[in-house]
Protein backbone atom coordinates (compact mmCIF):
# COMPACT_ATOMS: atom_id res chain seq x y z
CA UNK A 1 0.00 0.00 0.00
CA UNK A 2 1.09 3.57 -0.50
CA UNK A 3 0.24 6.79 1.35
CA UNK A 4 0.81 10.44 0.83
CA UNK A 5 2.69 12.21 3.60
CA UNK A 6 -0.58 13.65 4.93
CA UNK A 7 -2.27 10.25 4.87
CA UNK A 8 0.69 8.57 6.54
CA UNK A 9 0.76 11.29 9.23
CA UNK A 10 -2.93 10.81 10.05
CA UNK A 11 -2.84 7.03 9.86
CA UNK A 12 0.20 6.47 12.03
CA UNK A 13 -0.15 9.54 14.30
CA UNK A 14 3.21 10.88 13.23
CA UNK A 15 4.24 14.48 12.59
CA UNK A 16 5.22 15.52 9.07
CA UNK A 17 8.65 16.65 10.30
CA UNK A 18 9.37 13.19 11.65
CA UNK A 19 8.12 11.57 8.43
CA UNK A 20 10.37 13.82 6.32
CA UNK A 21 13.28 13.01 8.59
CA UNK A 22 12.68 9.25 8.06
CA UNK A 23 12.42 9.79 4.33
CA UNK A 24 15.76 11.62 4.25
CA UNK A 25 17.39 8.89 6.30
CA UNK A 26 15.89 6.23 3.96
CA UNK A 27 14.07 4.59 6.84
CA UNK A 28 10.87 4.64 4.81
CA UNK A 29 10.38 3.38 1.29
CA UNK A 30 8.85 5.96 -1.05
CA UNK A 31 8.38 6.91 -4.67
CA UNK A 32 7.77 10.29 -6.33
CA UNK A 33 5.14 10.53 -9.07
CA UNK A 34 4.20 13.81 -10.74
CA UNK A 35 5.87 15.73 -7.94
CA UNK A 36 3.89 13.85 -5.26
CA UNK A 37 5.71 11.70 -2.66
CA UNK A 38 4.12 8.34 -1.85
CA UNK A 39 5.29 6.21 1.09
CA UNK A 40 5.24 2.48 0.31
CA UNK A 41 4.29 -0.02 3.00
CA UNK A 42 3.99 -3.74 2.41
CA UNK A 43 0.63 -5.13 3.44
CA UNK A 44 2.38 -8.01 5.15
CA UNK A 45 3.82 -5.59 7.67
CA UNK A 46 0.35 -4.51 8.71
CA UNK A 47 -2.10 -6.59 10.63
CA UNK A 48 -5.54 -7.26 9.17
CA UNK A 49 -7.29 -4.95 11.57
CA UNK A 50 -5.01 -2.09 10.63
CA UNK A 51 -5.48 -2.76 6.93
CA UNK A 52 -9.27 -2.78 7.31
CA UNK A 53 -9.10 0.46 9.28
CA UNK A 54 -7.03 2.06 6.56
CA UNK A 55 -9.47 0.89 3.88
CA UNK A 56 -12.39 2.24 5.85
CA UNK A 57 -10.66 5.55 6.37
CA UNK A 58 -9.91 5.80 2.63
CA UNK A 59 -13.51 4.98 1.73
CA UNK A 60 -14.74 7.57 4.21
CA UNK A 61 -12.37 10.15 2.76
CA UNK A 62 -13.53 9.34 -0.77
CA UNK A 63 -17.16 9.53 0.33
CA UNK A 64 -16.64 12.91 2.01
CA UNK A 65 -14.77 14.19 -1.05
CA UNK A 66 -17.62 13.01 -3.31
CA UNK A 67 -20.25 14.64 -1.07
CA UNK A 68 -18.27 17.85 -0.94
CA UNK A 69 -18.03 17.83 -4.73
CA UNK A 70 -21.77 17.23 -5.04
CA UNK A 71 -22.54 20.03 -2.61
CA UNK A 72 -20.24 22.36 -4.50
CA UNK A 73 -21.86 21.45 -7.81
CA UNK A 74 -25.42 21.86 -6.49
CA UNK A 75 -24.46 25.14 -4.85
CA UNK A 76 -22.98 26.44 -8.10
CA UNK A 77 -26.09 25.45 -10.06
CA UNK A 78 -28.38 27.09 -7.52
CA UNK A 79 -26.26 30.24 -7.52
CA UNK A 80 -26.34 30.30 -11.32
CA UNK A 81 -30.14 29.89 -11.37
CA UNK A 82 -30.54 32.62 -8.77
CA UNK A 83 -28.34 34.99 -10.76
CA UNK A 84 -30.26 34.26 -13.97
CA UNK A 85 -33.59 34.67 -12.15
CA UNK A 86 -32.52 38.05 -10.76
CA UNK A 87 -31.41 39.12 -14.24
CA UNK A 88 -34.79 38.15 -15.74
CA UNK A 89 -36.66 39.99 -12.99
CA UNK A 90 -34.63 43.12 -13.73
CA UNK A 91 -35.41 42.80 -17.45
CA UNK A 92 -39.13 42.43 -16.67
CA UNK A 93 -39.06 45.57 -14.52
CA UNK A 94 -37.32 47.51 -17.30
CA UNK A 95 -39.88 46.30 -19.87
CA UNK A 96 -42.77 47.25 -17.59
CA UNK A 97 -41.31 50.76 -17.24
CA UNK A 98 -40.97 51.08 -21.02
CA UNK A 99 -44.55 49.88 -21.53
CA UNK A 100 -45.84 52.41 -18.96
CA UNK A 101 -43.84 55.16 -20.69
CA UNK A 102 -45.24 54.21 -24.12
CA UNK A 103 -48.80 54.16 -22.78
CA UNK A 104 -48.31 57.61 -21.22
CA UNK A 105 -46.83 59.00 -24.45
CA UNK A 106 -49.73 57.59 -26.47
CA UNK A 107 -52.30 59.10 -24.12
CA UNK A 108 -50.55 62.48 -24.33
CA UNK A 109 -50.52 62.30 -28.13
CA UNK A 110 -54.22 61.45 -28.20
CA UNK A 111 -55.04 64.35 -25.89
CA UNK A 112 -52.97 66.75 -28.02
CA UNK A 113 -54.67 65.52 -31.20
CA UNK A 114 -58.09 65.92 -29.60
CA UNK A 115 -57.23 69.49 -28.52
CA UNK A 116 -55.95 70.30 -32.01
CA UNK A 117 -59.12 68.98 -33.66
CA UNK A 118 -61.28 70.93 -31.23
CA UNK A 119 -59.27 74.05 -32.02
CA UNK A 120 -59.69 73.49 -35.77
CA UNK A 121 -63.45 73.09 -35.46
CA UNK A 122 -63.63 76.07 -33.15
CA UNK A 123 -61.76 78.19 -35.71
CA UNK A 124 -63.99 76.94 -38.51
CA UNK A 125 -67.09 77.75 -36.45
CA UNK A 126 -65.76 81.23 -35.88
CA UNK A 127 -65.10 81.64 -39.59
CA UNK A 128 -68.61 80.42 -40.45
CA UNK A 129 -69.99 82.90 -37.98
CA UNK A 130 -68.09 85.72 -39.72
CA UNK A 131 -69.47 84.63 -43.09
CA UNK A 132 -73.02 84.57 -41.74
CA UNK A 133 -72.52 88.04 -40.32
CA UNK A 134 -71.35 89.24 -43.72
CA UNK A 135 -74.42 87.71 -45.38
CA UNK A 136 -76.70 89.27 -42.77
CA UNK A 137 -75.10 92.63 -43.37
CA UNK A 138 -75.64 92.19 -47.09
CA UNK A 139 -79.31 91.28 -46.57
CA UNK A 140 -79.74 94.22 -44.22
CA UNK A 141 -78.21 96.51 -46.80
CA UNK A 142 -80.53 95.14 -49.48
CA UNK A 143 -83.53 95.68 -47.22
CA UNK A 144 -82.48 99.26 -46.59
CA UNK A 145 -82.07 99.99 -50.29
CA UNK A 146 -85.48 98.46 -51.15
CA UNK A 147 -88.64 100.41 -50.20
CA UNK A 148 -92.34 100.01 -50.94
CA UNK A 149 -92.03 103.00 -53.26
CA UNK A 150 -90.13 102.95 -56.50
CA UNK A 151 -86.96 104.90 -56.14
CA UNK A 152 -84.85 105.98 -59.05
CA UNK A 153 -81.14 105.82 -58.22
CA UNK A 154 -78.39 107.51 -60.08
CA UNK A 155 -75.70 105.41 -61.74
CA UNK A 156 -73.20 106.58 -59.15
CA UNK A 157 -75.39 105.43 -56.23
CA UNK A 158 -76.01 102.04 -57.84
CA UNK A 159 -72.27 101.58 -58.38
CA UNK A 160 -71.58 102.52 -54.77
CA UNK A 161 -74.13 100.01 -53.45
CA UNK A 162 -72.75 97.24 -55.65
CA UNK A 163 -69.22 97.97 -54.40
CA UNK A 164 -70.42 97.81 -50.79
CA UNK A 165 -72.13 94.47 -51.45
CA UNK A 166 -69.02 93.16 -53.08
CA UNK A 167 -66.77 94.31 -50.23
CA UNK A 168 -69.04 92.69 -47.66
CA UNK A 169 -69.06 89.31 -49.39
CA UNK A 170 -65.36 89.30 -50.25
CA UNK A 171 -62.74 88.06 -47.81
CA UNK A 172 -59.03 88.59 -48.42
CA UNK A 173 -57.18 85.26 -48.77
CA UNK A 174 -54.34 86.28 -46.45
CA UNK A 175 -56.74 87.38 -43.70
CA UNK A 176 -58.79 84.22 -44.04
CA UNK A 177 -55.74 81.95 -43.85
CA UNK A 178 -54.57 83.67 -40.67
CA UNK A 179 -57.89 82.80 -39.04
CA UNK A 180 -57.25 79.08 -39.65
CA UNK A 181 -55.14 76.80 -37.47
CA UNK A 182 -52.40 76.27 -40.03
CA UNK A 183 -48.63 76.21 -40.02
CA UNK A 184 -46.71 78.89 -41.93
CA UNK A 185 -45.58 76.47 -44.63
CA UNK A 186 -49.18 75.26 -45.08
CA UNK A 187 -50.41 78.81 -45.68
CA UNK A 188 -47.66 79.35 -48.26
CA UNK A 189 -48.67 76.19 -50.14
CA UNK A 190 -52.33 77.29 -50.24
CA UNK A 191 -51.38 80.81 -51.41
CA UNK A 192 -49.29 79.34 -54.23
CA UNK A 193 -52.21 77.09 -55.20
CA UNK A 194 -54.48 80.15 -55.53
CA UNK A 195 -51.94 82.15 -57.55
CA UNK A 196 -51.41 79.21 -59.89
CA UNK A 197 -55.19 78.98 -60.49
CA UNK A 198 -55.70 82.76 -60.78
CA UNK A 199 -55.71 82.95 -64.60
CA UNK A 200 -58.22 80.15 -65.18
CA UNK A 201 -60.40 80.03 -62.05
CA UNK A 202 -63.26 82.59 -62.01
CA UNK A 203 -63.75 82.06 -58.28
CA UNK A 204 -60.51 83.92 -57.49
CA UNK A 205 -60.81 87.70 -57.40
CA UNK A 206 -57.73 89.92 -57.59
CA UNK A 207 -57.80 93.55 -56.53
CA UNK A 208 -54.76 95.79 -56.06
CA UNK A 209 -52.46 92.76 -56.11
CA UNK A 210 -54.43 90.97 -53.39
CA UNK A 211 -56.56 87.86 -53.72
CA UNK A 212 -60.15 87.79 -52.42
CA UNK A 213 -62.64 85.00 -51.87
CA UNK A 214 -66.40 85.24 -52.31
CA UNK A 215 -67.88 82.62 -49.99
CA UNK A 216 -71.39 83.81 -50.75
CA UNK A 217 -71.06 82.65 -54.34
CA UNK A 218 -68.33 80.02 -54.48
CA UNK A 219 -66.97 76.96 -52.70
CA UNK A 220 -63.19 76.90 -52.24
CA UNK A 221 -62.84 73.55 -50.48
CA UNK A 222 -60.65 72.05 -53.22
CA UNK A 223 -58.15 74.93 -53.03
CA UNK A 224 -58.13 75.24 -49.23
CA UNK A 225 -57.82 71.58 -48.34
CA UNK A 226 -54.56 70.39 -46.81
C-alpha atoms as a PDB file:
ATOM      1  CA  UNK A   1       0.000   0.000   0.000  1.00  0.00           C
ATOM      2  CA  UNK A   2       1.085   3.570  -0.498  1.00  0.00           C
ATOM      3  CA  UNK A   3       0.242   6.786   1.348  1.00  0.00           C
ATOM      4  CA  UNK A   4       0.811  10.436   0.832  1.00  0.00           C
ATOM      5  CA  UNK A   5       2.689  12.205   3.600  1.00  0.00           C
ATOM      6  CA  UNK A   6      -0.584  13.650   4.929  1.00  0.00           C
ATOM      7  CA  UNK A   7      -2.275  10.249   4.871  1.00  0.00           C
ATOM      8  CA  UNK A   8       0.695   8.570   6.544  1.00  0.00           C
ATOM      9  CA  UNK A   9       0.764  11.289   9.226  1.00  0.00           C
ATOM     10  CA  UNK A  10      -2.930  10.812  10.055  1.00  0.00           C
ATOM     11  CA  UNK A  11      -2.838   7.035   9.863  1.00  0.00           C
ATOM     12  CA  UNK A  12       0.203   6.473  12.029  1.00  0.00           C
ATOM     13  CA  UNK A  13      -0.150   9.541  14.301  1.00  0.00           C
ATOM     14  CA  UNK A  14       3.209  10.884  13.234  1.00  0.00           C
ATOM     15  CA  UNK A  15       4.237  14.483  12.585  1.00  0.00           C
ATOM     16  CA  UNK A  16       5.218  15.521   9.067  1.00  0.00           C
ATOM     17  CA  UNK A  17       8.651  16.653  10.305  1.00  0.00           C
ATOM     18  CA  UNK A  18       9.370  13.189  11.647  1.00  0.00           C
ATOM     19  CA  UNK A  19       8.124  11.570   8.427  1.00  0.00           C
ATOM     20  CA  UNK A  20      10.366  13.819   6.318  1.00  0.00           C
ATOM     21  CA  UNK A  21      13.278  13.005   8.593  1.00  0.00           C
ATOM     22  CA  UNK A  22      12.679   9.254   8.065  1.00  0.00           C
ATOM     23  CA  UNK A  23      12.416   9.792   4.330  1.00  0.00           C
ATOM     24  CA  UNK A  24      15.756  11.622   4.252  1.00  0.00           C
ATOM     25  CA  UNK A  25      17.393   8.887   6.296  1.00  0.00           C
ATOM     26  CA  UNK A  26      15.893   6.230   3.956  1.00  0.00           C
ATOM     27  CA  UNK A  27      14.068   4.586   6.841  1.00  0.00           C
ATOM     28  CA  UNK A  28      10.865   4.637   4.809  1.00  0.00           C
ATOM     29  CA  UNK A  29      10.377   3.375   1.287  1.00  0.00           C
ATOM     30  CA  UNK A  30       8.851   5.963  -1.050  1.00  0.00           C
ATOM     31  CA  UNK A  31       8.378   6.907  -4.675  1.00  0.00           C
ATOM     32  CA  UNK A  32       7.773  10.293  -6.335  1.00  0.00           C
ATOM     33  CA  UNK A  33       5.136  10.535  -9.075  1.00  0.00           C
ATOM     34  CA  UNK A  34       4.203  13.815 -10.741  1.00  0.00           C
ATOM     35  CA  UNK A  35       5.868  15.729  -7.938  1.00  0.00           C
ATOM     36  CA  UNK A  36       3.893  13.847  -5.265  1.00  0.00           C
ATOM     37  CA  UNK A  37       5.706  11.703  -2.664  1.00  0.00           C
ATOM     38  CA  UNK A  38       4.121   8.342  -1.846  1.00  0.00           C
ATOM     39  CA  UNK A  39       5.292   6.205   1.093  1.00  0.00           C
ATOM     40  CA  UNK A  40       5.242   2.484   0.307  1.00  0.00           C
ATOM     41  CA  UNK A  41       4.289  -0.016   3.002  1.00  0.00           C
ATOM     42  CA  UNK A  42       3.995  -3.744   2.415  1.00  0.00           C
ATOM     43  CA  UNK A  43       0.631  -5.134   3.438  1.00  0.00           C
ATOM     44  CA  UNK A  44       2.385  -8.013   5.148  1.00  0.00           C
ATOM     45  CA  UNK A  45       3.817  -5.590   7.666  1.00  0.00           C
ATOM     46  CA  UNK A  46       0.351  -4.506   8.712  1.00  0.00           C
ATOM     47  CA  UNK A  47      -2.103  -6.593  10.629  1.00  0.00           C
ATOM     48  CA  UNK A  48      -5.537  -7.258   9.165  1.00  0.00           C
ATOM     49  CA  UNK A  49      -7.290  -4.946  11.575  1.00  0.00           C
ATOM     50  CA  UNK A  50      -5.005  -2.092  10.628  1.00  0.00           C
ATOM     51  CA  UNK A  51      -5.482  -2.763   6.926  1.00  0.00           C
ATOM     52  CA  UNK A  52      -9.270  -2.775   7.313  1.00  0.00           C
ATOM     53  CA  UNK A  53      -9.097   0.455   9.280  1.00  0.00           C
ATOM     54  CA  UNK A  54      -7.030   2.061   6.564  1.00  0.00           C
ATOM     55  CA  UNK A  55      -9.472   0.894   3.876  1.00  0.00           C
ATOM     56  CA  UNK A  56     -12.389   2.239   5.849  1.00  0.00           C
ATOM     57  CA  UNK A  57     -10.661   5.552   6.366  1.00  0.00           C
ATOM     58  CA  UNK A  58      -9.907   5.800   2.632  1.00  0.00           C
ATOM     59  CA  UNK A  59     -13.514   4.975   1.731  1.00  0.00           C
ATOM     60  CA  UNK A  60     -14.740   7.569   4.208  1.00  0.00           C
ATOM     61  CA  UNK A  61     -12.365  10.149   2.759  1.00  0.00           C
ATOM     62  CA  UNK A  62     -13.527   9.342  -0.769  1.00  0.00           C
ATOM     63  CA  UNK A  63     -17.162   9.535   0.331  1.00  0.00           C
ATOM     64  CA  UNK A  64     -16.638  12.909   2.010  1.00  0.00           C
ATOM     65  CA  UNK A  65     -14.766  14.191  -1.048  1.00  0.00           C
ATOM     66  CA  UNK A  66     -17.616  13.009  -3.310  1.00  0.00           C
ATOM     67  CA  UNK A  67     -20.252  14.639  -1.073  1.00  0.00           C
ATOM     68  CA  UNK A  68     -18.265  17.854  -0.937  1.00  0.00           C
ATOM     69  CA  UNK A  69     -18.027  17.828  -4.734  1.00  0.00           C
ATOM     70  CA  UNK A  70     -21.771  17.227  -5.044  1.00  0.00           C
ATOM     71  CA  UNK A  71     -22.537  20.031  -2.609  1.00  0.00           C
ATOM     72  CA  UNK A  72     -20.236  22.364  -4.496  1.00  0.00           C
ATOM     73  CA  UNK A  73     -21.864  21.446  -7.814  1.00  0.00           C
ATOM     74  CA  UNK A  74     -25.417  21.864  -6.494  1.00  0.00           C
ATOM     75  CA  UNK A  75     -24.459  25.142  -4.846  1.00  0.00           C
ATOM     76  CA  UNK A  76     -22.978  26.441  -8.098  1.00  0.00           C
ATOM     77  CA  UNK A  77     -26.086  25.449 -10.057  1.00  0.00           C
ATOM     78  CA  UNK A  78     -28.384  27.091  -7.517  1.00  0.00           C
ATOM     79  CA  UNK A  79     -26.260  30.238  -7.521  1.00  0.00           C
ATOM     80  CA  UNK A  80     -26.341  30.305 -11.316  1.00  0.00           C
ATOM     81  CA  UNK A  81     -30.136  29.886 -11.368  1.00  0.00           C
ATOM     82  CA  UNK A  82     -30.535  32.623  -8.770  1.00  0.00           C
ATOM     83  CA  UNK A  83     -28.342  34.990 -10.756  1.00  0.00           C
ATOM     84  CA  UNK A  84     -30.264  34.256 -13.973  1.00  0.00           C
ATOM     85  CA  UNK A  85     -33.588  34.668 -12.154  1.00  0.00           C
ATOM     86  CA  UNK A  86     -32.520  38.055 -10.755  1.00  0.00           C
ATOM     87  CA  UNK A  87     -31.408  39.123 -14.243  1.00  0.00           C
ATOM     88  CA  UNK A  88     -34.789  38.155 -15.740  1.00  0.00           C
ATOM     89  CA  UNK A  89     -36.658  39.990 -12.989  1.00  0.00           C
ATOM     90  CA  UNK A  90     -34.626  43.117 -13.728  1.00  0.00           C
ATOM     91  CA  UNK A  91     -35.408  42.801 -17.445  1.00  0.00           C
ATOM     92  CA  UNK A  92     -39.127  42.428 -16.672  1.00  0.00           C
ATOM     93  CA  UNK A  93     -39.059  45.574 -14.516  1.00  0.00           C
ATOM     94  CA  UNK A  94     -37.317  47.508 -17.298  1.00  0.00           C
ATOM     95  CA  UNK A  95     -39.878  46.297 -19.873  1.00  0.00           C
ATOM     96  CA  UNK A  96     -42.767  47.249 -17.592  1.00  0.00           C
ATOM     97  CA  UNK A  97     -41.305  50.759 -17.236  1.00  0.00           C
ATOM     98  CA  UNK A  98     -40.967  51.076 -21.018  1.00  0.00           C
ATOM     99  CA  UNK A  99     -44.554  49.884 -21.534  1.00  0.00           C
ATOM    100  CA  UNK A 100     -45.839  52.407 -18.959  1.00  0.00           C
ATOM    101  CA  UNK A 101     -43.844  55.160 -20.691  1.00  0.00           C
ATOM    102  CA  UNK A 102     -45.236  54.212 -24.120  1.00  0.00           C
ATOM    103  CA  UNK A 103     -48.804  54.163 -22.783  1.00  0.00           C
ATOM    104  CA  UNK A 104     -48.314  57.609 -21.217  1.00  0.00           C
ATOM    105  CA  UNK A 105     -46.829  59.002 -24.449  1.00  0.00           C
ATOM    106  CA  UNK A 106     -49.730  57.594 -26.475  1.00  0.00           C
ATOM    107  CA  UNK A 107     -52.300  59.096 -24.118  1.00  0.00           C
ATOM    108  CA  UNK A 108     -50.554  62.478 -24.332  1.00  0.00           C
ATOM    109  CA  UNK A 109     -50.516  62.297 -28.134  1.00  0.00           C
ATOM    110  CA  UNK A 110     -54.224  61.451 -28.202  1.00  0.00           C
ATOM    111  CA  UNK A 111     -55.036  64.354 -25.889  1.00  0.00           C
ATOM    112  CA  UNK A 112     -52.968  66.748 -28.018  1.00  0.00           C
ATOM    113  CA  UNK A 113     -54.667  65.517 -31.198  1.00  0.00           C
ATOM    114  CA  UNK A 114     -58.090  65.921 -29.595  1.00  0.00           C
ATOM    115  CA  UNK A 115     -57.233  69.488 -28.519  1.00  0.00           C
ATOM    116  CA  UNK A 116     -55.953  70.298 -32.008  1.00  0.00           C
ATOM    117  CA  UNK A 117     -59.124  68.981 -33.656  1.00  0.00           C
ATOM    118  CA  UNK A 118     -61.282  70.929 -31.228  1.00  0.00           C
ATOM    119  CA  UNK A 119     -59.268  74.053 -32.023  1.00  0.00           C
ATOM    120  CA  UNK A 120     -59.692  73.486 -35.773  1.00  0.00           C
ATOM    121  CA  UNK A 121     -63.447  73.093 -35.460  1.00  0.00           C
ATOM    122  CA  UNK A 122     -63.635  76.071 -33.152  1.00  0.00           C
ATOM    123  CA  UNK A 123     -61.762  78.195 -35.707  1.00  0.00           C
ATOM    124  CA  UNK A 124     -63.995  76.941 -38.512  1.00  0.00           C
ATOM    125  CA  UNK A 125     -67.088  77.749 -36.451  1.00  0.00           C
ATOM    126  CA  UNK A 126     -65.762  81.232 -35.884  1.00  0.00           C
ATOM    127  CA  UNK A 127     -65.104  81.643 -39.592  1.00  0.00           C
ATOM    128  CA  UNK A 128     -68.610  80.416 -40.447  1.00  0.00           C
ATOM    129  CA  UNK A 129     -69.992  82.902 -37.978  1.00  0.00           C
ATOM    130  CA  UNK A 130     -68.090  85.716 -39.719  1.00  0.00           C
ATOM    131  CA  UNK A 131     -69.470  84.628 -43.095  1.00  0.00           C
ATOM    132  CA  UNK A 132     -73.020  84.571 -41.745  1.00  0.00           C
ATOM    133  CA  UNK A 133     -72.521  88.037 -40.322  1.00  0.00           C
ATOM    134  CA  UNK A 134     -71.351  89.239 -43.724  1.00  0.00           C
ATOM    135  CA  UNK A 135     -74.417  87.708 -45.382  1.00  0.00           C
ATOM    136  CA  UNK A 136     -76.697  89.267 -42.771  1.00  0.00           C
ATOM    137  CA  UNK A 137     -75.100  92.635 -43.375  1.00  0.00           C
ATOM    138  CA  UNK A 138     -75.639  92.185 -47.094  1.00  0.00           C
ATOM    139  CA  UNK A 139     -79.306  91.278 -46.571  1.00  0.00           C
ATOM    140  CA  UNK A 140     -79.745  94.219 -44.223  1.00  0.00           C
ATOM    141  CA  UNK A 141     -78.212  96.513 -46.803  1.00  0.00           C
ATOM    142  CA  UNK A 142     -80.534  95.144 -49.483  1.00  0.00           C
ATOM    143  CA  UNK A 143     -83.527  95.684 -47.225  1.00  0.00           C
ATOM    144  CA  UNK A 144     -82.483  99.258 -46.588  1.00  0.00           C
ATOM    145  CA  UNK A 145     -82.074  99.990 -50.293  1.00  0.00           C
ATOM    146  CA  UNK A 146     -85.485  98.461 -51.148  1.00  0.00           C
ATOM    147  CA  UNK A 147     -88.636 100.407 -50.201  1.00  0.00           C
ATOM    148  CA  UNK A 148     -92.341 100.014 -50.939  1.00  0.00           C
ATOM    149  CA  UNK A 149     -92.030 103.000 -53.262  1.00  0.00           C
ATOM    150  CA  UNK A 150     -90.130 102.947 -56.496  1.00  0.00           C
ATOM    151  CA  UNK A 151     -86.960 104.898 -56.144  1.00  0.00           C
ATOM    152  CA  UNK A 152     -84.854 105.983 -59.054  1.00  0.00           C
ATOM    153  CA  UNK A 153     -81.139 105.820 -58.220  1.00  0.00           C
ATOM    154  CA  UNK A 154     -78.389 107.508 -60.077  1.00  0.00           C
ATOM    155  CA  UNK A 155     -75.702 105.409 -61.739  1.00  0.00           C
ATOM    156  CA  UNK A 156     -73.202 106.579 -59.146  1.00  0.00           C
ATOM    157  CA  UNK A 157     -75.393 105.432 -56.229  1.00  0.00           C
ATOM    158  CA  UNK A 158     -76.013 102.043 -57.836  1.00  0.00           C
ATOM    159  CA  UNK A 159     -72.268 101.577 -58.384  1.00  0.00           C
ATOM    160  CA  UNK A 160     -71.584 102.520 -54.771  1.00  0.00           C
ATOM    161  CA  UNK A 161     -74.134 100.015 -53.453  1.00  0.00           C
ATOM    162  CA  UNK A 162     -72.748  97.243 -55.646  1.00  0.00           C
ATOM    163  CA  UNK A 163     -69.222  97.970 -54.398  1.00  0.00           C
ATOM    164  CA  UNK A 164     -70.419  97.813 -50.791  1.00  0.00           C
ATOM    165  CA  UNK A 165     -72.128  94.467 -51.447  1.00  0.00           C
ATOM    166  CA  UNK A 166     -69.017  93.158 -53.084  1.00  0.00           C
ATOM    167  CA  UNK A 167     -66.773  94.309 -50.234  1.00  0.00           C
ATOM    168  CA  UNK A 168     -69.043  92.685 -47.660  1.00  0.00           C
ATOM    169  CA  UNK A 169     -69.057  89.309 -49.385  1.00  0.00           C
ATOM    170  CA  UNK A 170     -65.362  89.299 -50.250  1.00  0.00           C
ATOM    171  CA  UNK A 171     -62.743  88.063 -47.809  1.00  0.00           C
ATOM    172  CA  UNK A 172     -59.029  88.592 -48.421  1.00  0.00           C
ATOM    173  CA  UNK A 173     -57.178  85.261 -48.771  1.00  0.00           C
ATOM    174  CA  UNK A 174     -54.344  86.282 -46.452  1.00  0.00           C
ATOM    175  CA  UNK A 175     -56.744  87.381 -43.699  1.00  0.00           C
ATOM    176  CA  UNK A 176     -58.788  84.220 -44.044  1.00  0.00           C
ATOM    177  CA  UNK A 177     -55.740  81.948 -43.852  1.00  0.00           C
ATOM    178  CA  UNK A 178     -54.568  83.665 -40.667  1.00  0.00           C
ATOM    179  CA  UNK A 179     -57.889  82.796 -39.038  1.00  0.00           C
ATOM    180  CA  UNK A 180     -57.248  79.080 -39.649  1.00  0.00           C
ATOM    181  CA  UNK A 181     -55.141  76.802 -37.468  1.00  0.00           C
ATOM    182  CA  UNK A 182     -52.401  76.270 -40.030  1.00  0.00           C
ATOM    183  CA  UNK A 183     -48.633  76.214 -40.015  1.00  0.00           C
ATOM    184  CA  UNK A 184     -46.714  78.893 -41.928  1.00  0.00           C
ATOM    185  CA  UNK A 185     -45.581  76.466 -44.634  1.00  0.00           C
ATOM    186  CA  UNK A 186     -49.176  75.257 -45.077  1.00  0.00           C
ATOM    187  CA  UNK A 187     -50.413  78.805 -45.680  1.00  0.00           C
ATOM    188  CA  UNK A 188     -47.663  79.354 -48.258  1.00  0.00           C
ATOM    189  CA  UNK A 189     -48.673  76.193 -50.137  1.00  0.00           C
ATOM    190  CA  UNK A 190     -52.334  77.286 -50.237  1.00  0.00           C
ATOM    191  CA  UNK A 191     -51.385  80.805 -51.406  1.00  0.00           C
ATOM    192  CA  UNK A 192     -49.290  79.345 -54.229  1.00  0.00           C
ATOM    193  CA  UNK A 193     -52.209  77.094 -55.199  1.00  0.00           C
ATOM    194  CA  UNK A 194     -54.484  80.146 -55.535  1.00  0.00           C
ATOM    195  CA  UNK A 195     -51.943  82.147 -57.549  1.00  0.00           C
ATOM    196  CA  UNK A 196     -51.414  79.209 -59.889  1.00  0.00           C
ATOM    197  CA  UNK A 197     -55.188  78.984 -60.490  1.00  0.00           C
ATOM    198  CA  UNK A 198     -55.701  82.760 -60.784  1.00  0.00           C
ATOM    199  CA  UNK A 199     -55.710  82.950 -64.596  1.00  0.00           C
ATOM    200  CA  UNK A 200     -58.218  80.147 -65.180  1.00  0.00           C
ATOM    201  CA  UNK A 201     -60.399  80.029 -62.047  1.00  0.00           C
ATOM    202  CA  UNK A 202     -63.260  82.587 -62.006  1.00  0.00           C
ATOM    203  CA  UNK A 203     -63.748  82.064 -58.284  1.00  0.00           C
ATOM    204  CA  UNK A 204     -60.515  83.917 -57.486  1.00  0.00           C
ATOM    205  CA  UNK A 205     -60.810  87.699 -57.396  1.00  0.00           C
ATOM    206  CA  UNK A 206     -57.727  89.922 -57.592  1.00  0.00           C
ATOM    207  CA  UNK A 207     -57.802  93.550 -56.530  1.00  0.00           C
ATOM    208  CA  UNK A 208     -54.762  95.786 -56.062  1.00  0.00           C
ATOM    209  CA  UNK A 209     -52.462  92.758 -56.114  1.00  0.00           C
ATOM    210  CA  UNK A 210     -54.427  90.965 -53.389  1.00  0.00           C
ATOM    211  CA  UNK A 211     -56.563  87.856 -53.719  1.00  0.00           C
ATOM    212  CA  UNK A 212     -60.149  87.793 -52.421  1.00  0.00           C
ATOM    213  CA  UNK A 213     -62.642  85.003 -51.866  1.00  0.00           C
ATOM    214  CA  UNK A 214     -66.401  85.244 -52.310  1.00  0.00           C
ATOM    215  CA  UNK A 215     -67.880  82.620 -49.989  1.00  0.00           C
ATOM    216  CA  UNK A 216     -71.388  83.809 -50.751  1.00  0.00           C
ATOM    217  CA  UNK A 217     -71.056  82.653 -54.339  1.00  0.00           C
ATOM    218  CA  UNK A 218     -68.325  80.020 -54.484  1.00  0.00           C
ATOM    219  CA  UNK A 219     -66.970  76.963 -52.700  1.00  0.00           C
ATOM    220  CA  UNK A 220     -63.187  76.902 -52.239  1.00  0.00           C
ATOM    221  CA  UNK A 221     -62.838  73.553 -50.475  1.00  0.00           C
ATOM    222  CA  UNK A 222     -60.646  72.053 -53.217  1.00  0.00           C
ATOM    223  CA  UNK A 223     -58.151  74.927 -53.028  1.00  0.00           C
ATOM    224  CA  UNK A 224     -58.135  75.242 -49.226  1.00  0.00           C
ATOM    225  CA  UNK A 225     -57.817  71.585 -48.335  1.00  0.00           C
ATOM    226  CA  UNK A 226     -54.556  70.388 -46.808  1.00  0.00           C
END
